[in-house]
Each structure stands twice: as structure tokens, then as C-alpha cells.
Amino acid sequence: MKKNKLIRIVSHNFHEYKMSCTMFLLGLSAGFVILGNKFGMLYLIFSFLPVLVWSLLWFNERKTTNTSL
């Protein structure tokens, strides 16, 4: 299956800037949790989405890494 160009770019950037992307997505999730406590359930649902994106990028990156010595 051919990868979408946007997905390929995002995966490549995540591989190069893993710590920055991780901190951004977890910070975004924390921001939505704070907004969720103030404004309601919708922001609490949104707070799970950055964690979901981070986990998908993490597992996708782990599959493509060559672990052979």
C-alpha cells in the first residue's frame, strides 16, 4: 500500500524530531485536560487525540527501525 505524502512527511519529521514532537503532543494533551476541567467533556475527549497520534507515530516509527546488529 502506497503511503500518503503527508503521512510520509509527518513520520519522517517525527523520526528526526522525536523529543520535540513528543513534548508538543503531550503538552497539547495537558492543555486540553486543563480546558476540559474548565469548559467540559468535549475538551477532555480532545485531550486523548494527541496521545493517540503520538502512539501511532511511535509504533509506526518502531516498525520501520532496523534493530539488527
Protein backbone atom coordinates (compact mmCIF):
# COMPACT_ATOMS: atom_id res chain seq x y z
CA MET A 1 0.00 0.00 0.00
CA LYS A 2 1.34 3.38 -1.01
CA LYS A 3 1.78 5.90 1.81
CA ASN A 4 0.20 9.30 1.59
CA LYS A 5 2.74 12.12 1.08
CA LEU A 6 1.55 13.96 4.21
CA ILE A 7 1.83 10.82 6.36
CA ARG A 8 5.32 10.16 4.99
CA ILE A 9 6.43 13.72 5.82
CA VAL A 10 4.97 13.59 9.34
CA SER A 11 6.55 10.18 10.01
CA HIS A 12 9.92 11.39 8.75
CA ASN A 13 9.76 14.56 10.87
CA PHE A 14 8.75 12.52 13.93
CA HIS A 15 11.76 10.27 13.41
CA GLU A 16 14.12 13.26 13.27
CA TYR A 17 12.50 15.38 15.99
CA LYS A 18 11.09 12.69 18.27
CA MET A 19 11.61 14.52 21.57
CA SER A 20 10.20 17.82 20.29
CA CYS A 21 7.12 16.15 18.81
CA THR A 22 6.59 14.13 21.98
CA MET A 23 6.77 17.19 24.20
CA PHE A 24 4.47 19.16 21.87
CA LEU A 25 1.81 16.43 21.69
CA LEU A 26 1.88 15.69 25.43
CA GLY A 27 1.78 19.43 26.18
CA LEU A 28 -1.19 19.82 23.83
CA SER A 29 -2.91 16.96 25.62
CA ALA A 30 -2.26 18.57 29.01
CA GLY A 31 -3.62 21.87 27.72
CA PHE A 32 -6.83 20.17 26.60
CA VAL A 33 -7.16 18.49 30.00
CA ILE A 34 -6.95 21.89 31.70
CA LEU A 35 -9.54 23.30 29.29
CA GLY A 36 -11.66 20.20 29.86
CA ASN A 37 -11.72 20.80 33.58
CA LYS A 38 -12.90 24.35 32.94
CA PHE A 39 -15.22 24.00 29.92
CA GLY A 40 -16.46 20.43 29.80
CA MET A 41 -16.32 16.97 28.34
CA LEU A 42 -15.53 17.88 24.72
CA TYR A 43 -12.05 19.15 25.61
CA LEU A 44 -11.43 16.02 27.68
CA ILE A 45 -12.18 13.96 24.57
CA PHE A 46 -9.84 16.21 22.56
CA SER A 47 -7.12 15.63 25.16
CA PHE A 48 -6.94 11.96 24.18
CA LEU A 49 -6.35 12.70 20.47
CA PRO A 50 -2.73 13.99 20.75
CA VAL A 51 -1.82 10.92 22.81
CA LEU A 52 -3.40 8.71 20.15
CA VAL A 53 -1.44 10.47 17.38
CA TRP A 54 1.77 10.19 19.39
CA SER A 55 1.27 6.46 19.97
CA LEU A 56 0.52 5.84 16.28
CA LEU A 57 3.66 7.71 15.25
CA TRP A 58 5.71 5.92 17.90
CA PHE A 59 4.60 2.43 16.84
CA ASN A 60 4.96 3.28 13.15
CA GLU A 61 8.50 4.53 13.75
CA ARG A 62 9.39 1.45 15.79
CA LYS A 63 8.32 -0.88 12.99
CA THR A 64 10.48 0.83 10.39
CA THR A 65 13.62 0.94 12.53
CA ASN A 66 16.21 -1.69 11.73
CA THR A 67 17.07 -3.41 15.02
CA SER A 68 19.51 -5.98 13.65
CA LEU A 69 23.10 -5.73 14.83
